Amino acid sequence: MSWHIRQAVRCIAAGGIIAYPTETVYGAGCDPFNGAAVLQLLELKHRRIDPGLILIASSFEQFEPLLQPLHPAARQRIVKASPVPPVTWVLPCLHDIPLWLRGKHESLAVRITSHPVAIALCRRWNGPLVSTSANLHGRRPATSPLQVRKAFNGALDYILHDTQDATNTPSEIRDGISGNILRAARGTQ
């Protein structure tokens, strides 16, 4: 698997878009700071920029350079959250975070992934990655490499495989300050 992780990271570094397994559904992602790649991903999905995107990382520390300082209690709640069900946290971000990541918001949606392949990918990349569901906007998220191929008709640059299909349940989304649920664990991203 490490060879495939290295290949995926090379692709990301070259401005490519990849698909990879997560603990929820297959994600489509790229370098969050490569605006051309992010906009191309949104175009492939037929998705608007306004809602913003989810970023995944292997640890909270990978998100910290992007976020406003958090109260220690909020940070601890996020770091200590159980990986089941997976939770995406909406947190206040720095003012210079690109529009293509935050959309019309002053916040970022972030999730510490618990999937071993996604963890290895973020560690090798040494930072967060865009993680939007691998599907055309409004359609069911892909839960296997075959579904990813069908959805994007070969338009992605690399697909990381996993031995198990994903759960087909997108993550719950919570406000990172209040802890309130913004979206239950259903629907498409």
N, C-alpha and C. Protein backbone atom coordinates (compact mmCIF):
# COMPACT_ATOMS: atom_id res chain seq x y z
N MET A 1 0.82 -1.20 0.00
CA MET A 1 0.00 0.00 0.00
C MET A 1 0.87 1.26 0.00
N SER A 2 2.06 1.20 0.62
CA SER A 2 2.87 2.42 0.71
C SER A 2 3.25 2.96 -0.66
N TRP A 3 3.47 2.07 -1.64
CA TRP A 3 3.77 2.54 -3.00
C TRP A 3 2.58 3.34 -3.54
N HIS A 4 1.37 2.85 -3.32
CA HIS A 4 0.17 3.54 -3.80
C HIS A 4 -0.02 4.89 -3.11
N ILE A 5 0.29 4.94 -1.83
CA ILE A 5 0.22 6.22 -1.10
C ILE A 5 1.21 7.20 -1.70
N ARG A 6 2.44 6.75 -1.96
CA ARG A 6 3.44 7.64 -2.58
C ARG A 6 2.99 8.13 -3.94
N GLN A 7 2.40 7.24 -4.73
CA GLN A 7 1.90 7.63 -6.06
C GLN A 7 0.80 8.68 -5.93
N ALA A 8 -0.11 8.48 -5.00
CA ALA A 8 -1.20 9.43 -4.79
C ALA A 8 -0.65 10.79 -4.37
N VAL A 9 0.34 10.81 -3.50
CA VAL A 9 0.95 12.07 -3.05
C VAL A 9 1.66 12.76 -4.21
N ARG A 10 2.35 12.00 -5.05
CA ARG A 10 2.98 12.60 -6.24
C ARG A 10 1.93 13.26 -7.13
N CYS A 11 0.82 12.58 -7.29
CA CYS A 11 -0.28 13.11 -8.11
C CYS A 11 -0.81 14.41 -7.51
N ILE A 12 -1.05 14.43 -6.20
CA ILE A 12 -1.54 15.63 -5.52
C ILE A 12 -0.55 16.78 -5.69
N ALA A 13 0.73 16.48 -5.49
CA ALA A 13 1.77 17.51 -5.60
C ALA A 13 1.84 18.09 -7.01
N ALA A 14 1.47 17.30 -8.01
CA ALA A 14 1.48 17.77 -9.40
C ALA A 14 0.19 18.48 -9.78
N GLY A 15 -0.71 18.69 -8.80
CA GLY A 15 -1.96 19.39 -9.08
C GLY A 15 -3.09 18.47 -9.48
N GLY A 16 -2.93 17.17 -9.25
CA GLY A 16 -3.94 16.21 -9.64
C GLY A 16 -5.06 16.06 -8.62
N ILE A 17 -6.09 15.36 -9.06
CA ILE A 17 -7.26 15.06 -8.22
C ILE A 17 -7.32 13.55 -8.06
N ILE A 18 -7.47 13.12 -6.82
CA ILE A 18 -7.50 11.69 -6.55
C ILE A 18 -8.80 11.31 -5.85
N ALA A 19 -9.06 10.02 -5.80
CA ALA A 19 -10.14 9.47 -4.98
C ALA A 19 -9.48 8.52 -3.99
N TYR A 20 -10.03 8.47 -2.79
CA TYR A 20 -9.44 7.63 -1.75
C TYR A 20 -10.52 7.23 -0.76
N PRO A 21 -10.32 6.09 -0.09
CA PRO A 21 -11.32 5.63 0.87
C PRO A 21 -11.24 6.45 2.16
N THR A 22 -12.39 6.67 2.75
CA THR A 22 -12.46 7.27 4.08
C THR A 22 -13.35 6.36 4.92
N GLU A 23 -13.54 6.72 6.16
CA GLU A 23 -14.37 5.92 7.05
C GLU A 23 -15.86 6.07 6.71
N THR A 24 -16.18 6.97 5.82
CA THR A 24 -17.59 7.22 5.48
C THR A 24 -17.90 6.79 4.05
N VAL A 25 -17.39 7.51 3.08
CA VAL A 25 -17.59 7.22 1.66
C VAL A 25 -16.24 7.43 0.97
N TYR A 26 -16.16 7.10 -0.31
CA TYR A 26 -14.94 7.44 -1.04
C TYR A 26 -14.89 8.96 -1.18
N GLY A 27 -13.73 9.51 -0.91
CA GLY A 27 -13.54 10.94 -1.04
C GLY A 27 -12.82 11.28 -2.33
N ALA A 28 -13.11 12.45 -2.85
CA ALA A 28 -12.35 13.01 -3.97
C ALA A 28 -11.61 14.19 -3.39
N GLY A 29 -10.32 14.28 -3.69
CA GLY A 29 -9.56 15.34 -3.05
C GLY A 29 -8.35 15.77 -3.84
N CYS A 30 -7.71 16.79 -3.27
CA CYS A 30 -6.55 17.41 -3.88
C CYS A 30 -5.87 18.27 -2.84
N ASP A 31 -4.82 18.96 -3.27
CA ASP A 31 -4.12 19.91 -2.43
C ASP A 31 -5.08 21.07 -2.15
N PRO A 32 -5.41 21.33 -0.89
CA PRO A 32 -6.37 22.39 -0.60
C PRO A 32 -5.89 23.79 -0.98
N PHE A 33 -4.58 23.97 -1.18
CA PHE A 33 -4.06 25.30 -1.50
C PHE A 33 -3.72 25.46 -2.97
N ASN A 34 -4.08 24.47 -3.78
CA ASN A 34 -3.94 24.58 -5.22
C ASN A 34 -5.32 24.95 -5.76
N GLY A 35 -5.54 26.26 -5.93
CA GLY A 35 -6.86 26.74 -6.35
C GLY A 35 -7.33 26.15 -7.65
N ALA A 36 -6.43 25.96 -8.62
CA ALA A 36 -6.83 25.39 -9.91
C ALA A 36 -7.34 23.97 -9.73
N ALA A 37 -6.66 23.18 -8.88
CA ALA A 37 -7.10 21.79 -8.65
C ALA A 37 -8.44 21.76 -7.94
N VAL A 38 -8.61 22.61 -6.93
CA VAL A 38 -9.88 22.64 -6.19
C VAL A 38 -11.03 23.05 -7.12
N LEU A 39 -10.82 24.08 -7.92
CA LEU A 39 -11.88 24.53 -8.83
C LEU A 39 -12.18 23.48 -9.89
N GLN A 40 -11.15 22.75 -10.34
CA GLN A 40 -11.39 21.66 -11.29
C GLN A 40 -12.21 20.56 -10.64
N LEU A 41 -11.92 20.24 -9.38
CA LEU A 41 -12.69 19.23 -8.66
C LEU A 41 -14.15 19.65 -8.53
N LEU A 42 -14.38 20.91 -8.17
CA LEU A 42 -15.75 21.40 -8.07
C LEU A 42 -16.47 21.32 -9.42
N GLU A 43 -15.75 21.64 -10.47
CA GLU A 43 -16.36 21.55 -11.81
C GLU A 43 -16.69 20.11 -12.17
N LEU A 44 -15.79 19.18 -11.87
CA LEU A 44 -16.06 17.76 -12.15
C LEU A 44 -17.30 17.27 -11.41
N LYS A 45 -17.48 17.76 -10.19
CA LYS A 45 -18.64 17.36 -9.38
C LYS A 45 -19.91 18.11 -9.73
N HIS A 46 -19.79 19.17 -10.53
CA HIS A 46 -20.91 20.06 -10.83
C HIS A 46 -21.42 20.70 -9.54
N ARG A 47 -20.48 21.18 -8.73
CA ARG A 47 -20.79 21.71 -7.41
C ARG A 47 -20.35 23.16 -7.31
N ARG A 48 -21.15 23.95 -6.63
CA ARG A 48 -20.83 25.37 -6.44
C ARG A 48 -19.78 25.54 -5.35
N ILE A 49 -19.16 26.71 -5.34
CA ILE A 49 -18.11 27.02 -4.38
C ILE A 49 -18.68 27.49 -3.04
N ASP A 50 -19.91 28.03 -3.04
CA ASP A 50 -20.49 28.67 -1.86
C ASP A 50 -20.51 27.84 -0.58
N PRO A 51 -20.84 26.54 -0.63
CA PRO A 51 -20.92 25.79 0.63
C PRO A 51 -19.57 25.55 1.30
N GLY A 52 -18.48 25.66 0.57
CA GLY A 52 -17.17 25.33 1.12
C GLY A 52 -16.94 23.83 1.04
N LEU A 53 -15.76 23.41 1.46
CA LEU A 53 -15.36 22.01 1.37
C LEU A 53 -14.92 21.49 2.72
N ILE A 54 -14.93 20.18 2.86
CA ILE A 54 -14.41 19.52 4.04
C ILE A 54 -12.93 19.22 3.80
N LEU A 55 -12.14 19.40 4.83
CA LEU A 55 -10.75 18.97 4.82
C LEU A 55 -10.60 17.83 5.81
N ILE A 56 -9.77 16.83 5.45
CA ILE A 56 -9.43 15.78 6.40
C ILE A 56 -7.95 15.88 6.72
N ALA A 57 -7.59 15.35 7.87
CA ALA A 57 -6.19 15.28 8.28
C ALA A 57 -6.02 14.09 9.22
N SER A 58 -4.78 13.72 9.43
CA SER A 58 -4.49 12.59 10.32
C SER A 58 -4.46 13.02 11.78
N SER A 59 -4.36 14.34 12.03
CA SER A 59 -4.33 14.84 13.40
C SER A 59 -4.85 16.28 13.41
N PHE A 60 -5.28 16.72 14.57
CA PHE A 60 -5.77 18.09 14.69
C PHE A 60 -4.65 19.09 14.42
N GLU A 61 -3.43 18.74 14.74
CA GLU A 61 -2.29 19.64 14.54
C GLU A 61 -2.14 20.03 13.08
N GLN A 62 -2.54 19.18 12.16
CA GLN A 62 -2.44 19.53 10.74
C GLN A 62 -3.42 20.64 10.35
N PHE A 63 -4.48 20.83 11.14
CA PHE A 63 -5.45 21.90 10.87
C PHE A 63 -5.09 23.22 11.54
N GLU A 64 -4.37 23.17 12.64
CA GLU A 64 -4.15 24.35 13.48
C GLU A 64 -3.64 25.58 12.74
N PRO A 65 -2.74 25.45 11.75
CA PRO A 65 -2.28 26.66 11.05
C PRO A 65 -3.38 27.37 10.24
N LEU A 66 -4.53 26.72 10.08
CA LEU A 66 -5.62 27.27 9.27
C LEU A 66 -6.72 27.90 10.12
N LEU A 67 -6.69 27.65 11.41
CA LEU A 67 -7.82 27.98 12.29
C LEU A 67 -7.51 29.11 13.26
N GLN A 68 -8.59 29.79 13.67
CA GLN A 68 -8.47 30.74 14.78
C GLN A 68 -8.15 29.93 16.03
N PRO A 69 -7.44 30.51 16.99
CA PRO A 69 -7.18 29.78 18.23
C PRO A 69 -8.49 29.35 18.90
N LEU A 70 -8.49 28.14 19.39
CA LEU A 70 -9.70 27.58 20.03
C LEU A 70 -9.55 27.59 21.54
N HIS A 71 -10.69 27.71 22.21
CA HIS A 71 -10.72 27.53 23.66
C HIS A 71 -10.26 26.10 23.94
N PRO A 72 -9.46 25.88 24.97
CA PRO A 72 -8.97 24.52 25.25
C PRO A 72 -10.07 23.47 25.37
N ALA A 73 -11.22 23.84 25.91
CA ALA A 73 -12.32 22.86 26.05
C ALA A 73 -12.84 22.44 24.68
N ALA A 74 -12.97 23.39 23.75
CA ALA A 74 -13.43 23.05 22.40
C ALA A 74 -12.41 22.18 21.68
N ARG A 75 -11.15 22.53 21.81
CA ARG A 75 -10.09 21.74 21.18
C ARG A 75 -10.10 20.32 21.73
N GLN A 76 -10.23 20.18 23.04
CA GLN A 76 -10.23 18.86 23.65
C GLN A 76 -11.43 18.03 23.19
N ARG A 77 -12.62 18.67 23.07
CA ARG A 77 -13.82 17.96 22.61
C ARG A 77 -13.58 17.39 21.21
N ILE A 78 -12.93 18.16 20.36
CA ILE A 78 -12.69 17.72 18.98
C ILE A 78 -11.65 16.61 18.94
N VAL A 79 -10.56 16.79 19.63
CA VAL A 79 -9.48 15.81 19.62
C VAL A 79 -9.91 14.50 20.26
N LYS A 80 -10.72 14.57 21.29
CA LYS A 80 -11.14 13.38 22.03
C LYS A 80 -12.41 12.73 21.47
N ALA A 81 -13.01 13.32 20.44
CA ALA A 81 -14.26 12.77 19.90
C ALA A 81 -14.04 11.35 19.40
N SER A 82 -15.01 10.52 19.66
CA SER A 82 -14.97 9.14 19.18
C SER A 82 -15.00 9.13 17.66
N PRO A 83 -14.22 8.24 17.03
CA PRO A 83 -14.24 8.19 15.56
C PRO A 83 -15.52 7.55 15.00
N VAL A 84 -16.36 6.99 15.88
CA VAL A 84 -17.60 6.38 15.42
C VAL A 84 -18.76 7.01 16.18
N PRO A 85 -19.72 7.64 15.54
CA PRO A 85 -19.69 7.95 14.12
C PRO A 85 -18.69 9.07 13.84
N PRO A 86 -18.15 9.11 12.62
CA PRO A 86 -17.20 10.18 12.29
C PRO A 86 -17.88 11.54 12.33
N VAL A 87 -17.14 12.53 12.83
CA VAL A 87 -17.69 13.88 12.97
C VAL A 87 -16.81 14.87 12.22
N THR A 88 -17.44 15.71 11.42
CA THR A 88 -16.78 16.85 10.79
C THR A 88 -17.13 18.06 11.64
N TRP A 89 -16.11 18.86 11.98
CA TRP A 89 -16.28 20.02 12.84
C TRP A 89 -16.17 21.29 12.03
N VAL A 90 -17.07 22.22 12.24
CA VAL A 90 -17.02 23.54 11.61
C VAL A 90 -16.40 24.50 12.61
N LEU A 91 -15.25 25.07 12.22
CA LEU A 91 -14.46 25.89 13.14
C LEU A 91 -14.08 27.22 12.50
N PRO A 92 -13.98 28.29 13.30
CA PRO A 92 -13.57 29.59 12.76
C PRO A 92 -12.17 29.49 12.17
N CYS A 93 -12.02 30.00 10.95
CA CYS A 93 -10.72 29.92 10.28
C CYS A 93 -10.05 31.29 10.20
N LEU A 94 -8.79 31.28 9.84
CA LEU A 94 -8.06 32.52 9.62
C LEU A 94 -8.68 33.27 8.45
N HIS A 95 -8.51 34.59 8.43
CA HIS A 95 -9.15 35.42 7.41
C HIS A 95 -8.58 35.24 6.02
N ASP A 96 -7.35 34.73 5.91
CA ASP A 96 -6.75 34.58 4.59
C ASP A 96 -6.94 33.18 3.98
N ILE A 97 -7.81 32.38 4.58
CA ILE A 97 -8.11 31.06 4.01
C ILE A 97 -8.87 31.28 2.71
N PRO A 98 -8.45 30.60 1.63
CA PRO A 98 -9.05 30.84 0.32
C PRO A 98 -10.56 30.57 0.28
N LEU A 99 -11.23 31.38 -0.51
CA LEU A 99 -12.67 31.26 -0.72
C LEU A 99 -13.05 29.86 -1.21
N TRP A 100 -12.20 29.25 -2.04
CA TRP A 100 -12.54 27.94 -2.58
C TRP A 100 -12.59 26.87 -1.48
N LEU A 101 -12.03 27.12 -0.31
CA LEU A 101 -12.12 26.16 0.80
C LEU A 101 -13.28 26.47 1.73
N ARG A 102 -13.42 27.73 2.09
CA ARG A 102 -14.42 28.10 3.10
C ARG A 102 -15.76 28.49 2.49
N GLY A 103 -15.81 28.70 1.17
CA GLY A 103 -17.06 29.13 0.55
C GLY A 103 -17.46 30.50 1.05
N LYS A 104 -18.72 30.67 1.34
CA LYS A 104 -19.23 31.96 1.80
C LYS A 104 -19.10 32.13 3.31
N HIS A 105 -18.39 31.24 3.96
CA HIS A 105 -18.32 31.21 5.42
C HIS A 105 -17.00 31.79 5.94
N GLU A 106 -16.96 32.05 7.22
CA GLU A 106 -15.74 32.46 7.92
C GLU A 106 -15.22 31.28 8.74
N SER A 107 -15.52 30.09 8.26
CA SER A 107 -15.16 28.87 8.98
C SER A 107 -14.72 27.80 8.00
N LEU A 108 -14.12 26.77 8.55
CA LEU A 108 -13.71 25.59 7.77
C LEU A 108 -14.37 24.35 8.37
N ALA A 109 -14.68 23.41 7.51
CA ALA A 109 -15.18 22.11 7.95
C ALA A 109 -14.01 21.14 7.93
N VAL A 110 -13.70 20.55 9.09
CA VAL A 110 -12.53 19.69 9.21
C VAL A 110 -12.89 18.38 9.92
N ARG A 111 -12.21 17.30 9.51
CA ARG A 111 -12.44 16.02 10.17
C ARG A 111 -11.11 15.30 10.35
N ILE A 112 -10.87 14.83 11.55
CA ILE A 112 -9.72 13.97 11.81
C ILE A 112 -10.14 12.58 11.37
N THR A 113 -9.53 12.08 10.32
CA THR A 113 -9.94 10.80 9.77
C THR A 113 -9.47 9.65 10.65
N SER A 114 -10.24 8.58 10.65
CA SER A 114 -9.85 7.36 11.37
C SER A 114 -9.58 6.21 10.40
N HIS A 115 -9.70 6.47 9.10
CA HIS A 115 -9.46 5.41 8.12
C HIS A 115 -7.96 5.24 7.88
N PRO A 116 -7.44 4.03 8.00
CA PRO A 116 -5.99 3.84 7.89
C PRO A 116 -5.37 4.34 6.58
N VAL A 117 -6.06 4.16 5.46
CA VAL A 117 -5.52 4.63 4.18
C VAL A 117 -5.51 6.16 4.14
N ALA A 118 -6.60 6.78 4.58
CA ALA A 118 -6.66 8.25 4.60
C ALA A 118 -5.65 8.83 5.59
N ILE A 119 -5.45 8.16 6.72
CA ILE A 119 -4.44 8.61 7.68
C ILE A 119 -3.06 8.56 7.03
N ALA A 120 -2.73 7.44 6.40
CA ALA A 120 -1.42 7.30 5.76
C ALA A 120 -1.23 8.35 4.66
N LEU A 121 -2.28 8.63 3.93
CA LEU A 121 -2.22 9.63 2.86
C LEU A 121 -1.93 11.02 3.43
N CYS A 122 -2.65 11.42 4.46
CA CYS A 122 -2.43 12.74 5.07
C CYS A 122 -1.06 12.84 5.72
N ARG A 123 -0.62 11.75 6.33
CA ARG A 123 0.72 11.76 6.94
C ARG A 123 1.79 11.92 5.87
N ARG A 124 1.67 11.16 4.80
CA ARG A 124 2.67 11.23 3.72
C ARG A 124 2.63 12.61 3.05
N TRP A 125 1.44 13.16 2.88
CA TRP A 125 1.28 14.51 2.30
C TRP A 125 1.77 15.56 3.29
N ASN A 126 1.73 15.24 4.56
CA ASN A 126 2.14 16.12 5.65
C ASN A 126 1.22 17.32 5.80
N GLY A 127 -0.08 17.07 5.67
CA GLY A 127 -1.05 18.14 5.84
C GLY A 127 -2.45 17.67 5.50
N PRO A 128 -3.39 18.60 5.60
CA PRO A 128 -4.78 18.25 5.28
C PRO A 128 -5.01 18.15 3.78
N LEU A 129 -6.07 17.46 3.42
CA LEU A 129 -6.49 17.30 2.03
C LEU A 129 -7.96 17.65 1.89
N VAL A 130 -8.34 18.11 0.71
CA VAL A 130 -9.76 18.27 0.41
C VAL A 130 -10.40 16.90 0.46
N SER A 131 -11.60 16.83 1.02
CA SER A 131 -12.31 15.57 1.11
C SER A 131 -13.80 15.79 0.86
N THR A 132 -14.15 15.84 -0.40
CA THR A 132 -15.56 15.92 -0.77
C THR A 132 -15.98 14.54 -1.26
N SER A 133 -17.22 14.19 -1.14
CA SER A 133 -17.65 12.85 -1.55
C SER A 133 -17.39 12.65 -3.04
N ALA A 134 -16.97 11.44 -3.38
CA ALA A 134 -16.65 11.10 -4.77
C ALA A 134 -17.94 10.77 -5.51
N ASN A 135 -18.59 11.81 -5.99
CA ASN A 135 -19.84 11.67 -6.73
C ASN A 135 -20.11 12.99 -7.45
N LEU A 136 -21.02 12.94 -8.39
CA LEU A 136 -21.53 14.18 -8.96
C LEU A 136 -22.49 14.76 -7.94
N HIS A 137 -22.51 16.07 -7.83
CA HIS A 137 -23.32 16.74 -6.81
C HIS A 137 -24.78 16.27 -6.87
N GLY A 138 -25.30 15.90 -5.71
CA GLY A 138 -26.69 15.47 -5.61
C GLY A 138 -26.90 13.99 -5.83
N ARG A 139 -25.87 13.27 -6.25
CA ARG A 139 -25.99 11.82 -6.45
C ARG A 139 -25.40 11.09 -5.25
N ARG A 140 -25.69 9.80 -5.17
CA ARG A 140 -25.17 9.00 -4.05
C ARG A 140 -23.65 8.95 -4.09
N PRO A 141 -23.02 9.09 -2.93
CA PRO A 141 -21.56 9.00 -2.88
C PRO A 141 -21.06 7.61 -3.25
N ALA A 142 -19.91 7.55 -3.87
CA ALA A 142 -19.28 6.28 -4.24
C ALA A 142 -18.76 5.59 -2.98
N THR A 143 -18.91 4.27 -2.95
CA THR A 143 -18.39 3.49 -1.83
C THR A 143 -17.36 2.46 -2.29
N SER A 144 -16.99 2.49 -3.55
CA SER A 144 -15.99 1.56 -4.09
C SER A 144 -15.26 2.23 -5.25
N PRO A 145 -14.07 1.73 -5.59
CA PRO A 145 -13.35 2.28 -6.74
C PRO A 145 -14.15 2.18 -8.04
N LEU A 146 -14.89 1.10 -8.22
CA LEU A 146 -15.70 0.95 -9.43
C LEU A 146 -16.75 2.06 -9.53
N GLN A 147 -17.41 2.36 -8.43
CA GLN A 147 -18.40 3.45 -8.43
C GLN A 147 -17.74 4.80 -8.69
N VAL A 148 -16.52 4.98 -8.19
CA VAL A 148 -15.78 6.22 -8.46
C VAL A 148 -15.52 6.34 -9.97
N ARG A 149 -15.02 5.27 -10.57
CA ARG A 149 -14.74 5.29 -12.02
C ARG A 149 -16.00 5.60 -12.82
N LYS A 150 -17.11 4.98 -12.44
CA LYS A 150 -18.37 5.23 -13.16
C LYS A 150 -18.82 6.68 -12.99
N ALA A 151 -18.69 7.22 -11.80
CA ALA A 151 -19.16 8.58 -11.53
C ALA A 151 -18.35 9.62 -12.31
N PHE A 152 -17.04 9.41 -12.41
CA PHE A 152 -16.18 10.42 -13.01
C PHE A 152 -15.66 10.04 -14.39
N ASN A 153 -16.01 8.86 -14.88
CA ASN A 153 -15.70 8.46 -16.23
C ASN A 153 -14.22 8.68 -16.58
N GLY A 154 -13.34 8.31 -15.66
CA GLY A 154 -11.91 8.41 -15.92
C GLY A 154 -11.30 9.80 -15.77
N ALA A 155 -12.06 10.77 -15.26
CA ALA A 155 -11.56 12.14 -15.18
C ALA A 155 -10.62 12.38 -13.99
N LEU A 156 -10.59 11.47 -13.03
CA LEU A 156 -9.69 11.64 -11.89
C LEU A 156 -8.30 11.13 -12.26
N ASP A 157 -7.29 11.67 -11.57
CA ASP A 157 -5.91 11.33 -11.90
C ASP A 157 -5.42 10.06 -11.22
N TYR A 158 -6.02 9.70 -10.08
CA TYR A 158 -5.56 8.50 -9.37
C TYR A 158 -6.66 8.06 -8.41
N ILE A 159 -6.82 6.74 -8.28
CA ILE A 159 -7.78 6.18 -7.32
C ILE A 159 -7.03 5.23 -6.40
N LEU A 160 -7.06 5.54 -5.10
CA LEU A 160 -6.49 4.64 -4.09
C LEU A 160 -7.55 3.60 -3.75
N HIS A 161 -7.16 2.35 -3.72
CA HIS A 161 -8.10 1.27 -3.42
C HIS A 161 -8.02 0.87 -1.96
N ASP A 162 -9.10 0.26 -1.50
CA ASP A 162 -9.16 -0.32 -0.17
C ASP A 162 -9.85 -1.66 -0.30
N THR A 163 -9.61 -2.55 0.63
CA THR A 163 -10.19 -3.89 0.53
C THR A 163 -11.66 -3.95 0.92
N GLN A 164 -12.15 -2.90 1.61
CA GLN A 164 -13.55 -2.90 2.03
C GLN A 164 -14.27 -1.68 1.47
N ASP A 165 -15.53 -1.87 1.14
CA ASP A 165 -16.33 -0.73 0.72
C ASP A 165 -16.61 0.15 1.93
N ALA A 166 -16.85 1.42 1.66
CA ALA A 166 -17.16 2.38 2.72
C ALA A 166 -18.60 2.18 3.20
N THR A 167 -18.98 2.91 4.24
CA THR A 167 -20.28 2.73 4.88
C THR A 167 -21.44 3.38 4.12
N ASN A 168 -21.13 4.30 3.22
CA ASN A 168 -22.14 5.06 2.48
C ASN A 168 -22.93 6.00 3.39
N THR A 169 -22.34 6.40 4.49
CA THR A 169 -22.97 7.34 5.40
C THR A 169 -22.04 8.53 5.60
N PRO A 170 -22.27 9.64 4.91
CA PRO A 170 -21.41 10.81 5.12
C PRO A 170 -21.39 11.23 6.59
N SER A 171 -20.31 11.86 6.97
CA SER A 171 -20.11 12.20 8.39
C SER A 171 -21.15 13.18 8.91
N GLU A 172 -21.34 13.09 10.20
CA GLU A 172 -22.14 14.09 10.90
C GLU A 172 -21.33 15.38 10.91
N ILE A 173 -22.00 16.52 10.83
CA ILE A 173 -21.31 17.82 10.89
C ILE A 173 -21.79 18.55 12.14
N ARG A 174 -20.82 19.03 12.94
CA ARG A 174 -21.12 19.73 14.19
C ARG A 174 -20.40 21.07 14.23
N ASP A 175 -21.02 22.02 14.89
CA ASP A 175 -20.38 23.28 15.19
C ASP A 175 -19.30 22.99 16.24
N GLY A 176 -18.06 23.37 15.94
CA GLY A 176 -16.95 23.07 16.84
C GLY A 176 -16.95 23.86 18.12
N ILE A 177 -17.63 25.00 18.14
CA ILE A 177 -17.67 25.82 19.35
C ILE A 177 -18.79 25.36 20.28
N SER A 178 -20.00 25.21 19.73
CA SER A 178 -21.15 24.84 20.56
C SER A 178 -21.34 23.33 20.68
N GLY A 179 -20.84 22.58 19.70
CA GLY A 179 -21.09 21.14 19.68
C GLY A 179 -22.41 20.76 19.04
N ASN A 180 -23.22 21.75 18.62
CA ASN A 180 -24.53 21.48 18.02
C ASN A 180 -24.39 20.76 16.69
N ILE A 181 -25.33 19.85 16.42
CA ILE A 181 -25.35 19.12 15.15
C ILE A 181 -25.88 20.04 14.06
N LEU A 182 -25.10 20.18 12.98
CA LEU A 182 -25.52 20.98 11.82
C LEU A 182 -26.09 20.09 10.72
N ARG A 183 -25.58 18.84 10.63
CA ARG A 183 -26.11 17.85 9.70
C ARG A 183 -25.92 16.48 10.31
N ALA A 184 -26.99 15.73 10.37
CA ALA A 184 -26.89 14.36 10.87
C ALA A 184 -26.13 13.51 9.86
N ALA A 185 -25.73 12.34 10.24
CA ALA A 185 -24.93 11.46 9.40
C ALA A 185 -25.77 10.83 8.30
N ARG A 186 -26.14 11.66 7.32
CA ARG A 186 -26.89 11.18 6.14
C ARG A 186 -26.75 12.23 5.06
N GLY A 187 -27.24 11.93 3.86
CA GLY A 187 -27.18 12.90 2.76
C GLY A 187 -25.89 12.80 1.98
N THR A 188 -25.68 13.74 1.06
CA THR A 188 -24.47 13.78 0.25
C THR A 188 -23.75 15.09 0.47
N GLN A 189 -22.45 15.05 0.24
CA GLN A 189 -21.61 16.23 0.44
C GLN A 189 -21.35 16.93 -0.86
